[in-house]
Amino acid sequence: MTDTTAPAGYSATQIALHWAVAALVAGQYLFHDAISGAWDAIRAGETVAFDPLILAHVAGGGLILAFVVWRLALRLGRGAPAAPAQEPAPLATLAHVAHWAFYALLIGMALSGALAWFADVAPAARAHNVLKIALLALVALHVAAIPVHKLALKSDVMRRMIRPAD
């Protein structure tokens, strides 16, 4: 059954925010060594010199939080496209849960990272490390869904994140 109230696709803003968050998250994983080392040094009572990669990680986390909240507001206000007609109901449900899990994990990562870094909350740092593994697994699932949609389901769902509907 198709939801007639759902938009035909994502807006240009939703698409831009998706790819901006994707790029920022990739950067957070690729360049996390500086902040990780700084955290260990601070916990050991050492002084940490300014490092632009530390600043980039902190600023990147703030941007991810802002962009995810913005994207969430757009999704709640505008909606999201319905699942492709050829997608089996269990896969559509999994996709729906995965999208909401992305919002929760990304917000949780940003908040736990901020609590760890700015308020020196060690349990938040541990939560941040657990959440990063969960997020990586969810990203892998998200990327693995692309060939499933294209090859097995014969849907062009990827196009929705490339071409805006408005």
C-alpha atoms as a PDB file:
ATOM      1  CA  MET A   1       0.000   0.000   0.000  1.00  0.00           C
ATOM      2  CA  THR A   2       1.401   3.406  -0.981  1.00  0.00           C
ATOM      3  CA  ASP A   3       1.256   6.416   1.316  1.00  0.00           C
ATOM      4  CA  THR A   4      -0.379   9.153  -0.763  1.00  0.00           C
ATOM      5  CA  THR A   5       0.742  11.837   1.714  1.00  0.00           C
ATOM      6  CA  ALA A   6       4.434  10.979   1.365  1.00  0.00           C
ATOM      7  CA  PRO A   7       6.510  13.218  -0.901  1.00  0.00           C
ATOM      8  CA  ALA A   8       7.725  11.725  -4.185  1.00  0.00           C
ATOM      9  CA  GLY A   9      11.340  12.166  -3.095  1.00  0.00           C
ATOM     10  CA  TYR A  10      13.652  14.083  -0.822  1.00  0.00           C
ATOM     11  CA  SER A  11      14.141  17.825  -1.113  1.00  0.00           C
ATOM     12  CA  ALA A  12      17.440  19.341  -2.221  1.00  0.00           C
ATOM     13  CA  THR A  13      18.064  20.430   1.374  1.00  0.00           C
ATOM     14  CA  GLN A  14      17.420  16.921   2.729  1.00  0.00           C
ATOM     15  CA  ILE A  15      19.817  15.473   0.149  1.00  0.00           C
ATOM     16  CA  ALA A  16      22.511  18.065   0.861  1.00  0.00           C
ATOM     17  CA  LEU A  17      22.228  17.431   4.605  1.00  0.00           C
ATOM     18  CA  HIS A  18      22.430  13.650   4.051  1.00  0.00           C
ATOM     19  CA  TRP A  19      25.665  13.912   2.096  1.00  0.00           C
ATOM     20  CA  ALA A  20      27.140  16.580   4.389  1.00  0.00           C
ATOM     21  CA  VAL A  21      26.550  14.330   7.401  1.00  0.00           C
ATOM     22  CA  ALA A  22      27.965  11.341   5.510  1.00  0.00           C
ATOM     23  CA  ALA A  23      31.145  13.272   4.678  1.00  0.00           C
ATOM     24  CA  LEU A  24      31.490  14.610   8.225  1.00  0.00           C
ATOM     25  CA  VAL A  25      30.978  11.163   9.751  1.00  0.00           C
ATOM     26  CA  ALA A  26      33.616   9.700   7.406  1.00  0.00           C
ATOM     27  CA  GLY A  27      36.005  12.436   8.513  1.00  0.00           C
ATOM     28  CA  GLN A  28      35.285  11.707  12.163  1.00  0.00           C
ATOM     29  CA  TYR A  29      36.286   8.066  11.686  1.00  0.00           C
ATOM     30  CA  LEU A  30      39.307   8.785   9.483  1.00  0.00           C
ATOM     31  CA  PHE A  31      40.821  11.501  11.667  1.00  0.00           C
ATOM     32  CA  HIS A  32      39.840  10.427  15.187  1.00  0.00           C
ATOM     33  CA  ASP A  33      43.371   9.545  16.319  1.00  0.00           C
ATOM     34  CA  ALA A  34      44.207  13.119  17.356  1.00  0.00           C
ATOM     35  CA  ILE A  35      41.257  13.512  19.706  1.00  0.00           C
ATOM     36  CA  SER A  36      41.619   9.981  20.995  1.00  0.00           C
ATOM     37  CA  GLY A  37      45.259  10.622  21.858  1.00  0.00           C
ATOM     38  CA  ALA A  38      44.402  13.962  23.419  1.00  0.00           C
ATOM     39  CA  TRP A  39      41.680  12.335  25.547  1.00  0.00           C
ATOM     40  CA  ASP A  40      44.156   9.727  26.810  1.00  0.00           C
ATOM     41  CA  ALA A  41      46.751  12.412  27.543  1.00  0.00           C
ATOM     42  CA  ILE A  42      44.260  14.611  29.402  1.00  0.00           C
ATOM     43  CA  ARG A  43      43.046  11.626  31.442  1.00  0.00           C
ATOM     44  CA  ALA A  44      46.718  10.960  32.358  1.00  0.00           C
ATOM     45  CA  GLY A  45      47.087  14.571  33.566  1.00  0.00           C
ATOM     46  CA  GLU A  46      49.202  15.704  30.644  1.00  0.00           C
ATOM     47  CA  THR A  47      48.913  18.993  28.802  1.00  0.00           C
ATOM     48  CA  VAL A  48      47.736  18.801  25.209  1.00  0.00           C
ATOM     49  CA  ALA A  49      48.972  21.293  22.617  1.00  0.00           C
ATOM     50  CA  PHE A  50      46.595  22.797  20.086  1.00  0.00           C
ATOM     51  CA  ASP A  51      45.932  20.456  17.185  1.00  0.00           C
ATOM     52  CA  PRO A  52      43.668  21.467  14.303  1.00  0.00           C
ATOM     53  CA  LEU A  53      42.512  17.838  13.966  1.00  0.00           C
ATOM     54  CA  ILE A  54      41.172  17.956  17.529  1.00  0.00           C
ATOM     55  CA  LEU A  55      39.323  21.163  16.729  1.00  0.00           C
ATOM     56  CA  ALA A  56      38.037  19.612  13.498  1.00  0.00           C
ATOM     57  CA  HIS A  57      36.686  16.591  15.390  1.00  0.00           C
ATOM     58  CA  VAL A  58      34.916  18.751  17.970  1.00  0.00           C
ATOM     59  CA  ALA A  59      33.543  21.149  15.336  1.00  0.00           C
ATOM     60  CA  GLY A  60      32.597  18.225  13.093  1.00  0.00           C
ATOM     61  CA  GLY A  61      30.600  16.678  15.914  1.00  0.00           C
ATOM     62  CA  GLY A  62      28.791  19.973  16.471  1.00  0.00           C
ATOM     63  CA  LEU A  63      28.012  20.280  12.772  1.00  0.00           C
ATOM     64  CA  ILE A  64      26.772  16.700  12.623  1.00  0.00           C
ATOM     65  CA  LEU A  65      24.424  17.397  15.535  1.00  0.00           C
ATOM     66  CA  ALA A  66      23.123  20.595  13.934  1.00  0.00           C
ATOM     67  CA  PHE A  67      22.646  18.980  10.521  1.00  0.00           C
ATOM     68  CA  VAL A  68      20.955  15.880  11.955  1.00  0.00           C
ATOM     69  CA  VAL A  69      18.532  17.982  13.999  1.00  0.00           C
ATOM     70  CA  TRP A  70      17.818  20.088  10.896  1.00  0.00           C
ATOM     71  CA  ARG A  71      17.283  16.983   8.794  1.00  0.00           C
ATOM     72  CA  LEU A  72      15.053  15.474  11.467  1.00  0.00           C
ATOM     73  CA  ALA A  73      12.960  18.649  11.551  1.00  0.00           C
ATOM     74  CA  LEU A  74      12.604  18.518   7.757  1.00  0.00           C
ATOM     75  CA  ARG A  75      11.630  14.856   7.871  1.00  0.00           C
ATOM     76  CA  LEU A  76       9.011  15.476  10.553  1.00  0.00           C
ATOM     77  CA  GLY A  77       7.663  18.529   8.718  1.00  0.00           C
ATOM     78  CA  ARG A  78       7.905  17.452   5.088  1.00  0.00           C
ATOM     79  CA  GLY A  79       8.004  13.700   5.417  1.00  0.00           C
ATOM     80  CA  ALA A  80      10.030  11.118   3.558  1.00  0.00           C
ATOM     81  CA  PRO A  81       9.260   9.152   0.405  1.00  0.00           C
ATOM     82  CA  ALA A  82       7.407   5.873   0.805  1.00  0.00           C
ATOM     83  CA  ALA A  83       9.268   2.605   0.447  1.00  0.00           C
ATOM     84  CA  PRO A  84       9.565   1.379  -3.146  1.00  0.00           C
ATOM     85  CA  ALA A  85       6.597  -0.775  -4.171  1.00  0.00           C
ATOM     86  CA  GLN A  86       8.800  -3.797  -4.855  1.00  0.00           C
ATOM     87  CA  GLU A  87      10.364  -3.712  -1.373  1.00  0.00           C
ATOM     88  CA  PRO A  88       9.057  -6.544   0.828  1.00  0.00           C
ATOM     89  CA  ALA A  89       7.346  -5.366   4.026  1.00  0.00           C
ATOM     90  CA  PRO A  90      10.041  -6.748   6.376  1.00  0.00           C
ATOM     91  CA  LEU A  91      12.758  -4.869   4.450  1.00  0.00           C
ATOM     92  CA  ALA A  92      10.675  -1.687   4.456  1.00  0.00           C
ATOM     93  CA  THR A  93      10.297  -2.024   8.225  1.00  0.00           C
ATOM     94  CA  LEU A  94      14.041  -2.632   8.622  1.00  0.00           C
ATOM     95  CA  ALA A  95      14.791   0.459   6.520  1.00  0.00           C
ATOM     96  CA  HIS A  96      12.380   2.546   8.588  1.00  0.00           C
ATOM     97  CA  VAL A  97      13.940   1.383  11.860  1.00  0.00           C
ATOM     98  CA  ALA A  98      17.456   1.907  10.467  1.00  0.00           C
ATOM     99  CA  HIS A  99      16.714   5.502   9.466  1.00  0.00           C
ATOM    100  CA  TRP A 100      15.420   6.350  12.931  1.00  0.00           C
ATOM    101  CA  ALA A 101      18.388   4.527  14.459  1.00  0.00           C
ATOM    102  CA  PHE A 102      20.686   6.798  12.437  1.00  0.00           C
ATOM    103  CA  TYR A 103      19.101   9.865  13.999  1.00  0.00           C
ATOM    104  CA  ALA A 104      19.356   8.389  17.499  1.00  0.00           C
ATOM    105  CA  LEU A 105      22.957   7.211  17.092  1.00  0.00           C
ATOM    106  CA  LEU A 106      24.212  10.412  15.486  1.00  0.00           C
ATOM    107  CA  ILE A 107      22.586  12.573  18.151  1.00  0.00           C
ATOM    108  CA  GLY A 108      23.812  10.221  20.879  1.00  0.00           C
ATOM    109  CA  MET A 109      27.352  10.302  19.494  1.00  0.00           C
ATOM    110  CA  ALA A 110      27.422  14.091  19.319  1.00  0.00           C
ATOM    111  CA  LEU A 111      26.033  14.515  22.819  1.00  0.00           C
ATOM    112  CA  SER A 112      28.220  11.837  24.408  1.00  0.00           C
ATOM    113  CA  GLY A 113      31.291  13.259  22.683  1.00  0.00           C
ATOM    114  CA  ALA A 114      30.476  16.759  23.884  1.00  0.00           C
ATOM    115  CA  LEU A 115      29.881  15.549  27.442  1.00  0.00           C
ATOM    116  CA  ALA A 116      33.162  13.649  27.418  1.00  0.00           C
ATOM    117  CA  TRP A 117      35.224  16.463  25.921  1.00  0.00           C
ATOM    118  CA  PHE A 118      33.725  19.548  27.543  1.00  0.00           C
ATOM    119  CA  ALA A 119      32.539  18.135  30.887  1.00  0.00           C
ATOM    120  CA  ASP A 120      35.129  15.358  31.343  1.00  0.00           C
ATOM    121  CA  VAL A 121      32.442  12.708  31.768  1.00  0.00           C
ATOM    122  CA  ALA A 122      34.281   9.391  31.398  1.00  0.00           C
ATOM    123  CA  PRO A 123      31.094   7.265  31.094  1.00  0.00           C
ATOM    124  CA  ALA A 124      30.060   9.497  28.174  1.00  0.00           C
ATOM    125  CA  ALA A 125      33.406   8.754  26.503  1.00  0.00           C
ATOM    126  CA  ARG A 126      32.808   5.029  26.937  1.00  0.00           C
ATOM    127  CA  ALA A 127      29.291   5.412  25.520  1.00  0.00           C
ATOM    128  CA  HIS A 128      30.757   7.386  22.602  1.00  0.00           C
ATOM    129  CA  ASN A 129      33.092   4.466  21.825  1.00  0.00           C
ATOM    130  CA  VAL A 130      30.265   1.927  21.965  1.00  0.00           C
ATOM    131  CA  LEU A 131      28.014   4.107  19.799  1.00  0.00           C
ATOM    132  CA  LYS A 132      30.736   4.540  17.164  1.00  0.00           C
ATOM    133  CA  ILE A 133      30.793   0.757  16.652  1.00  0.00           C
ATOM    134  CA  ALA A 134      26.994   0.634  16.385  1.00  0.00           C
ATOM    135  CA  LEU A 135      27.068   3.545  13.923  1.00  0.00           C
ATOM    136  CA  LEU A 136      29.719   1.858  11.798  1.00  0.00           C
ATOM    137  CA  ALA A 137      27.593  -1.309  11.661  1.00  0.00           C
ATOM    138  CA  LEU A 138      24.543   0.737  10.662  1.00  0.00           C
ATOM    139  CA  VAL A 139      26.520   2.538   7.948  1.00  0.00           C
ATOM    140  CA  ALA A 140      27.662  -0.853   6.607  1.00  0.00           C
ATOM    141  CA  LEU A 141      24.044  -2.064   6.538  1.00  0.00           C
ATOM    142  CA  HIS A 142      22.958   1.169   4.827  1.00  0.00           C
ATOM    143  CA  VAL A 143      25.629   0.846   2.122  1.00  0.00           C
ATOM    144  CA  ALA A 144      24.930  -2.881   1.675  1.00  0.00           C
ATOM    145  CA  ALA A 145      21.290  -2.041   0.967  1.00  0.00           C
ATOM    146  CA  ILE A 146      22.278  -0.204  -2.229  1.00  0.00           C
ATOM    147  CA  PRO A 147      23.132  -3.263  -4.330  1.00  0.00           C
ATOM    148  CA  VAL A 148      20.210  -5.175  -2.787  1.00  0.00           C
ATOM    149  CA  HIS A 149      17.850  -2.466  -4.007  1.00  0.00           C
ATOM    150  CA  LYS A 150      19.521  -2.124  -7.383  1.00  0.00           C
ATOM    151  CA  LEU A 151      20.216  -5.761  -8.241  1.00  0.00           C
ATOM    152  CA  ALA A 152      17.761  -7.891  -6.281  1.00  0.00           C
ATOM    153  CA  LEU A 153      14.738  -5.606  -5.947  1.00  0.00           C
ATOM    154  CA  LYS A 154      15.329  -3.736  -9.232  1.00  0.00           C
ATOM    155  CA  SER A 155      14.455  -0.429  -7.565  1.00  0.00           C
ATOM    156  CA  ASP A 156      16.217   2.862  -8.125  1.00  0.00           C
ATOM    157  CA  VAL A 157      15.991   3.956  -4.511  1.00  0.00           C
ATOM    158  CA  MET A 158      19.516   5.456  -4.617  1.00  0.00           C
ATOM    159  CA  ARG A 159      18.285   8.086  -7.060  1.00  0.00           C
ATOM    160  CA  ARG A 160      16.199   9.598  -4.241  1.00  0.00           C
ATOM    161  CA  MET A 161      19.422  10.658  -2.498  1.00  0.00           C
ATOM    162  CA  ILE A 162      20.868  12.155  -5.679  1.00  0.00           C
ATOM    163  CA  ARG A 163      17.982  13.964  -7.410  1.00  0.00           C
ATOM    164  CA  PRO A 164      15.660  16.216  -5.454  1.00  0.00           C
ATOM    165  CA  ALA A 165      11.911  15.837  -5.918  1.00  0.00           C
ATOM    166  CA  ASP A 166      11.171  19.554  -5.714  1.00  0.00           C
END
